[in-house]
Amino acid sequence: EAVWNRMTGKLRSLSRYVSRVQKNLWVFTPVGFPLVRGHEPLVAAVNDLLLSIQLGLVLRYLGFQSILFWVTSPLIRRTLLRMRKVSETIVYHAVDNFSLFPGINGEYLRREDEVINAAADIAFFVNERFFEERLTICPVSVLLGHGVDLAHFASVGQMPIPKELENLPKPIVGHVGDLLGVDVVLVHKLALDHPTVSFVFIGAVPDQSKLRLFPKNIYFFGRKPYCALPNYMGAMKCLCLLYNKDLPYNDYRNPIKLLEYLATGKPVVSTAI
């Protein structure tokens, strides 16, 4: 199901392929295949060939002269090294420790990630632990946390409440963001211990087959447009980060949603990640 979702998402984005979103800013969505567990090297090699050809044509079409590669994914290692000769600078931006993602070949991604890290001219890390572990790999490594659109999220009191939340029992406790890494056992316990509270989750659910197993006072509304997030957060009495502190992946997070939560001025409760 996860592979199918990635494929359909990619097909939707391919309708844009190369699009101009504003003056001097273009978005390129290359053709490629999703990574399938157990076949990562083969899929990566095929994607490398496809990406190299497409990227070369797009850069020529747009007339790029001075190229800077700003990389956040370990999956383009081959392409990046091949095109090193046309790039003035490579920036490695570690926004997650991808090797700890559930359901993937972690050792393979770790090796790819470290090669890119070593090839970079400068490396940025959003997580302090990851920064300390990789400090000596790149000549210049910098701990650089996230920023937040303060005005956007501080507008929660001025936004209309979405209709799907209007009739929910109050108070509403909210989690805004994808559910990857959330402590499901804790969520169950909170809902059962507080049956008069509505627990609302805005974001993608990795395994939707489990939704029917949740208590009735837990509500999932899927992903919402960025512009609408203050509307949903405005209906919430409290905002939560309910990550599982026993998952190694969560040790390398620096959730931007924490800053978004704080920008609303609402109370924030988090597990001890």
Protein backbone atom coordinates (compact mmCIF):
# COMPACT_ATOMS: atom_id res chain seq x y z
CA GLU A 1 0.00 0.00 0.00
CA ALA A 2 2.81 2.41 0.88
CA VAL A 3 4.56 1.71 -2.45
CA TRP A 4 1.30 2.24 -4.33
CA ASN A 5 0.71 5.57 -2.55
CA ARG A 6 4.19 6.76 -3.48
CA MET A 7 3.65 5.72 -7.11
CA THR A 8 0.30 7.49 -7.44
CA GLY A 9 1.72 10.58 -5.75
CA LYS A 10 4.63 10.58 -8.18
CA LEU A 11 2.30 10.18 -11.16
CA ARG A 12 0.25 13.18 -10.01
CA SER A 13 3.38 15.29 -9.66
CA LEU A 14 4.65 14.22 -13.09
CA SER A 15 1.84 16.20 -14.66
CA ARG A 16 3.96 19.25 -13.79
CA TYR A 17 7.39 17.77 -14.75
CA VAL A 18 9.13 21.13 -15.24
CA SER A 19 7.02 24.06 -14.08
CA ARG A 20 7.74 27.68 -13.31
CA VAL A 21 6.19 28.50 -9.93
CA GLN A 22 7.39 32.10 -9.79
CA LYS A 23 10.02 34.34 -11.36
CA ASN A 24 13.40 32.56 -11.46
CA LEU A 25 12.02 29.52 -9.55
CA TRP A 26 11.37 26.22 -11.33
CA VAL A 27 10.28 22.84 -9.98
CA PHE A 28 11.42 19.67 -11.73
CA THR A 29 9.73 16.34 -10.98
CA PRO A 30 11.84 13.57 -12.54
CA VAL A 31 10.59 10.20 -13.71
CA GLY A 32 11.77 7.40 -11.42
CA PHE A 33 10.78 4.27 -9.54
CA PRO A 34 9.94 3.96 -5.83
CA LEU A 35 12.48 2.14 -3.68
CA VAL A 36 11.41 -1.48 -3.13
CA ARG A 37 12.80 -3.27 -0.08
CA GLY A 38 15.36 -5.89 -1.04
CA HIS A 39 16.02 -4.30 -4.45
CA GLU A 40 17.38 -0.92 -3.37
CA PRO A 41 20.74 -1.02 -5.26
CA LEU A 42 19.09 -2.09 -8.54
CA VAL A 43 16.29 0.49 -8.31
CA ALA A 44 18.78 3.19 -7.30
CA ALA A 45 21.00 2.36 -10.30
CA VAL A 46 18.06 2.61 -12.72
CA ASN A 47 16.88 5.86 -11.12
CA ASP A 48 20.41 7.23 -11.29
CA LEU A 49 20.53 6.72 -15.04
CA LEU A 50 17.08 8.24 -15.52
CA LEU A 51 17.79 11.21 -13.25
CA SER A 52 21.19 11.97 -14.79
CA ILE A 53 19.73 12.10 -18.30
CA GLN A 54 16.70 14.15 -17.28
CA LEU A 55 18.62 16.54 -15.06
CA GLY A 56 21.20 17.21 -17.75
CA LEU A 57 18.47 18.02 -20.29
CA VAL A 58 16.55 20.26 -17.87
CA LEU A 59 19.65 22.22 -16.83
CA ARG A 60 20.51 22.75 -20.50
CA TYR A 61 16.92 23.73 -21.32
CA LEU A 62 16.81 26.30 -18.50
CA GLY A 63 20.27 27.60 -19.34
CA PHE A 64 21.81 27.09 -15.90
CA GLN A 65 25.43 28.26 -15.76
CA SER A 66 26.35 28.11 -12.06
CA ILE A 67 24.96 25.05 -10.28
CA LEU A 68 24.66 24.38 -6.55
CA PHE A 69 23.33 21.00 -5.40
CA TRP A 70 21.40 21.15 -2.12
CA VAL A 71 20.79 17.52 -1.16
CA THR A 72 18.45 16.08 1.46
CA SER A 73 18.08 12.49 0.19
CA PRO A 74 20.73 9.73 0.16
CA LEU A 75 19.06 8.13 -2.86
CA ILE A 76 20.77 10.39 -5.43
CA ARG A 77 24.33 9.53 -4.42
CA ARG A 78 25.36 8.22 -7.85
CA THR A 79 23.82 11.14 -9.73
CA LEU A 80 25.38 13.65 -7.38
CA LEU A 81 28.91 12.26 -7.74
CA ARG A 82 28.57 11.98 -11.50
CA MET A 83 27.52 15.61 -11.82
CA ARG A 84 30.09 16.86 -9.35
CA LYS A 85 32.14 18.25 -12.22
CA VAL A 86 29.38 20.70 -13.21
CA SER A 87 28.54 21.81 -9.67
CA GLU A 88 30.34 24.63 -7.90
CA THR A 89 29.08 23.59 -4.47
CA ILE A 90 27.37 20.62 -2.81
CA VAL A 91 25.31 21.25 0.31
CA TYR A 92 24.30 18.23 2.40
CA HIS A 93 21.22 18.97 4.51
CA ALA A 94 20.45 16.23 7.06
CA VAL A 95 16.78 16.67 7.95
CA ASP A 96 16.36 13.06 9.13
CA ASN A 97 18.37 9.91 9.74
CA PHE A 98 16.86 8.02 6.83
CA SER A 99 18.68 4.78 7.67
CA LEU A 100 16.39 4.38 10.70
CA PHE A 101 13.14 4.72 8.77
CA PRO A 102 10.92 1.67 9.39
CA GLY A 103 10.52 -0.81 6.55
CA ILE A 104 13.66 0.03 4.56
CA ASN A 105 17.20 -1.29 4.11
CA GLY A 106 18.84 0.85 6.76
CA GLU A 107 22.43 -0.27 6.19
CA TYR A 108 22.23 0.52 2.48
CA LEU A 109 20.82 4.00 3.08
CA ARG A 110 23.39 4.70 5.81
CA ARG A 111 26.26 3.99 3.41
CA GLU A 112 24.75 6.13 0.65
CA ASP A 113 24.10 8.95 3.10
CA GLU A 114 27.64 8.95 4.47
CA VAL A 115 29.14 9.11 0.97
CA ILE A 116 27.08 12.22 0.17
CA ASN A 117 27.96 13.72 3.55
CA ALA A 118 31.69 13.22 2.83
CA ALA A 119 31.41 14.62 -0.71
CA ALA A 120 29.70 17.83 0.42
CA ASP A 121 31.41 21.19 0.78
CA ILE A 122 29.20 22.09 3.73
CA ALA A 123 26.76 20.03 5.83
CA PHE A 124 23.75 21.26 7.80
CA PHE A 125 22.11 19.19 10.55
CA VAL A 126 18.77 19.89 12.22
CA ASN A 127 19.36 17.38 15.03
CA GLU A 128 22.13 17.80 17.62
CA ARG A 129 22.80 14.08 18.08
CA PHE A 130 23.19 13.51 14.35
CA PHE A 131 25.39 16.60 14.10
CA GLU A 132 27.75 15.30 16.81
CA GLU A 133 27.98 11.84 15.20
CA ARG A 134 28.83 13.24 11.76
CA LEU A 135 30.88 16.25 12.85
CA THR A 136 34.17 15.09 11.33
CA ILE A 137 32.89 13.68 8.01
CA CYS A 138 32.51 16.97 6.14
CA PRO A 139 35.08 19.81 6.23
CA VAL A 140 32.38 22.27 7.35
CA SER A 141 29.48 21.01 9.50
CA VAL A 142 26.86 23.30 11.04
CA LEU A 143 23.99 22.69 13.46
CA LEU A 144 21.08 24.56 11.90
CA GLY A 145 17.59 24.20 13.37
CA HIS A 146 14.33 24.84 11.58
CA GLY A 147 12.57 28.13 11.10
CA VAL A 148 8.84 28.78 11.29
CA ASP A 149 6.32 31.05 9.58
CA LEU A 150 5.40 32.86 12.78
CA ALA A 151 2.73 35.14 11.32
CA HIS A 152 0.97 32.22 9.63
CA PHE A 153 0.59 30.11 12.78
CA ALA A 154 0.03 33.05 15.12
CA SER A 155 -3.14 33.78 13.13
CA VAL A 156 -5.06 30.87 14.71
CA GLY A 157 -7.47 33.15 16.60
CA GLN A 158 -8.47 34.97 13.42
CA MET A 159 -9.32 31.90 11.35
CA PRO A 160 -12.74 30.21 10.99
CA ILE A 161 -13.01 26.72 12.51
CA PRO A 162 -13.34 23.91 9.91
CA LYS A 163 -16.86 22.50 9.78
CA GLU A 164 -15.66 18.94 10.42
CA LEU A 165 -14.44 20.01 13.88
CA GLU A 166 -17.37 22.23 14.87
CA ASN A 167 -19.53 19.47 16.33
CA LEU A 168 -16.82 17.38 17.99
CA PRO A 169 -17.03 17.07 21.80
CA LYS A 170 -14.83 19.63 23.52
CA PRO A 171 -12.04 19.99 24.50
CA ILE A 172 -10.04 18.98 21.45
CA VAL A 173 -6.43 17.82 21.78
CA GLY A 174 -4.56 17.89 18.48
CA HIS A 175 -1.57 16.39 16.70
CA VAL A 176 -0.76 18.13 13.41
CA GLY A 177 1.63 16.20 11.18
CA ASP A 178 2.13 12.73 9.72
CA LEU A 179 1.79 9.85 12.19
CA LEU A 180 5.16 8.21 11.44
CA GLY A 181 6.78 7.42 14.79
CA VAL A 182 3.74 8.23 16.94
CA ASP A 183 3.32 6.14 20.11
CA VAL A 184 0.11 4.27 19.23
CA VAL A 185 -0.12 2.54 22.64
CA LEU A 186 0.08 5.90 24.38
CA VAL A 187 -2.60 7.37 22.12
CA HIS A 188 -4.92 4.46 22.97
CA LYS A 189 -4.33 4.92 26.67
CA LEU A 190 -4.91 8.67 26.57
CA ALA A 191 -8.17 8.23 24.70
CA LEU A 192 -9.45 5.56 27.09
CA ASP A 193 -8.39 7.50 30.19
CA HIS A 194 -10.05 10.71 28.92
CA PRO A 195 -13.26 9.64 27.15
CA THR A 196 -14.72 13.18 27.13
CA VAL A 197 -11.73 14.58 25.21
CA SER A 198 -11.60 14.52 21.39
CA PHE A 199 -8.16 13.54 20.08
CA VAL A 200 -7.75 14.91 16.56
CA PHE A 201 -4.95 13.91 14.16
CA ILE A 202 -4.22 15.97 11.06
CA GLY A 203 -1.75 14.23 8.74
CA ALA A 204 -1.06 11.07 6.78
CA VAL A 205 -1.68 7.71 8.47
CA PRO A 206 0.95 5.08 7.45
CA ASP A 207 -1.27 2.05 8.16
CA GLN A 208 -4.93 2.91 7.68
CA SER A 209 -6.04 -0.67 8.36
CA LYS A 210 -5.54 0.00 12.07
CA LEU A 211 -7.89 2.99 12.22
CA ARG A 212 -10.94 0.93 13.12
CA LEU A 213 -9.13 -0.36 16.22
CA PHE A 214 -8.89 3.09 17.82
CA PRO A 215 -11.33 4.31 20.50
CA LYS A 216 -14.29 6.34 19.26
CA ASN A 217 -12.97 9.65 20.62
CA ILE A 218 -9.95 9.57 18.27
CA TYR A 219 -10.47 11.28 14.91
CA PHE A 220 -8.27 11.15 11.79
CA PHE A 221 -8.78 13.81 9.14
CA GLY A 222 -5.81 13.15 6.88
CA ARG A 223 -3.50 15.73 5.38
CA LYS A 224 -4.67 19.31 4.98
CA PRO A 225 -3.26 22.19 2.91
CA TYR A 226 -0.58 24.22 4.66
CA CYS A 227 -2.74 27.35 4.38
CA ALA A 228 -5.55 25.64 6.34
CA LEU A 229 -3.49 24.38 9.30
CA PRO A 230 -4.15 27.46 11.49
CA ASN A 231 -7.88 26.88 11.01
CA TYR A 232 -7.60 23.39 12.48
CA MET A 233 -5.16 24.35 15.21
CA GLY A 234 -7.45 27.18 16.26
CA ALA A 235 -10.07 24.63 17.36
CA MET A 236 -7.60 22.77 19.58
CA LYS A 237 -7.26 23.41 23.29
CA CYS A 238 -3.86 21.74 23.45
CA LEU A 239 -1.29 20.59 20.87
CA CYS A 240 0.71 17.39 21.31
CA LEU A 241 3.87 15.65 20.11
CA LEU A 242 3.08 12.01 20.85
CA TYR A 243 6.20 10.34 19.45
CA ASN A 244 7.37 6.97 20.70
CA LYS A 245 10.52 7.71 22.72
CA ASP A 246 11.70 4.10 22.33
CA LEU A 247 12.03 4.32 18.52
CA PRO A 248 15.64 5.10 17.49
CA TYR A 249 14.33 7.11 14.50
CA ASN A 250 12.73 9.61 16.88
CA ASP A 251 16.09 10.30 18.56
CA TYR A 252 17.17 12.04 15.35
CA ARG A 253 14.14 14.23 14.86
CA ASN A 254 13.79 17.94 15.28
CA PRO A 255 10.06 18.29 14.59
CA ILE A 256 9.24 21.56 12.89
CA LYS A 257 5.71 21.14 14.19
CA LEU A 258 7.00 22.03 17.67
CA LEU A 259 7.84 25.54 16.43
CA GLU A 260 4.51 25.74 14.62
CA TYR A 261 2.74 24.74 17.83
CA LEU A 262 4.61 27.33 19.88
CA ALA A 263 3.81 30.02 17.31
CA THR A 264 0.08 29.53 18.01
CA GLY A 265 0.54 30.42 21.69
CA LYS A 266 -1.42 27.33 22.73
CA PRO A 267 -0.27 24.85 25.43
CA VAL A 268 2.06 22.15 24.12
CA VAL A 269 2.60 18.66 25.60
CA SER A 270 5.32 16.30 24.33
CA THR A 271 6.73 12.90 25.08
CA ALA A 272 10.36 12.97 26.25
CA ILE A 273 12.10 12.61 22.88
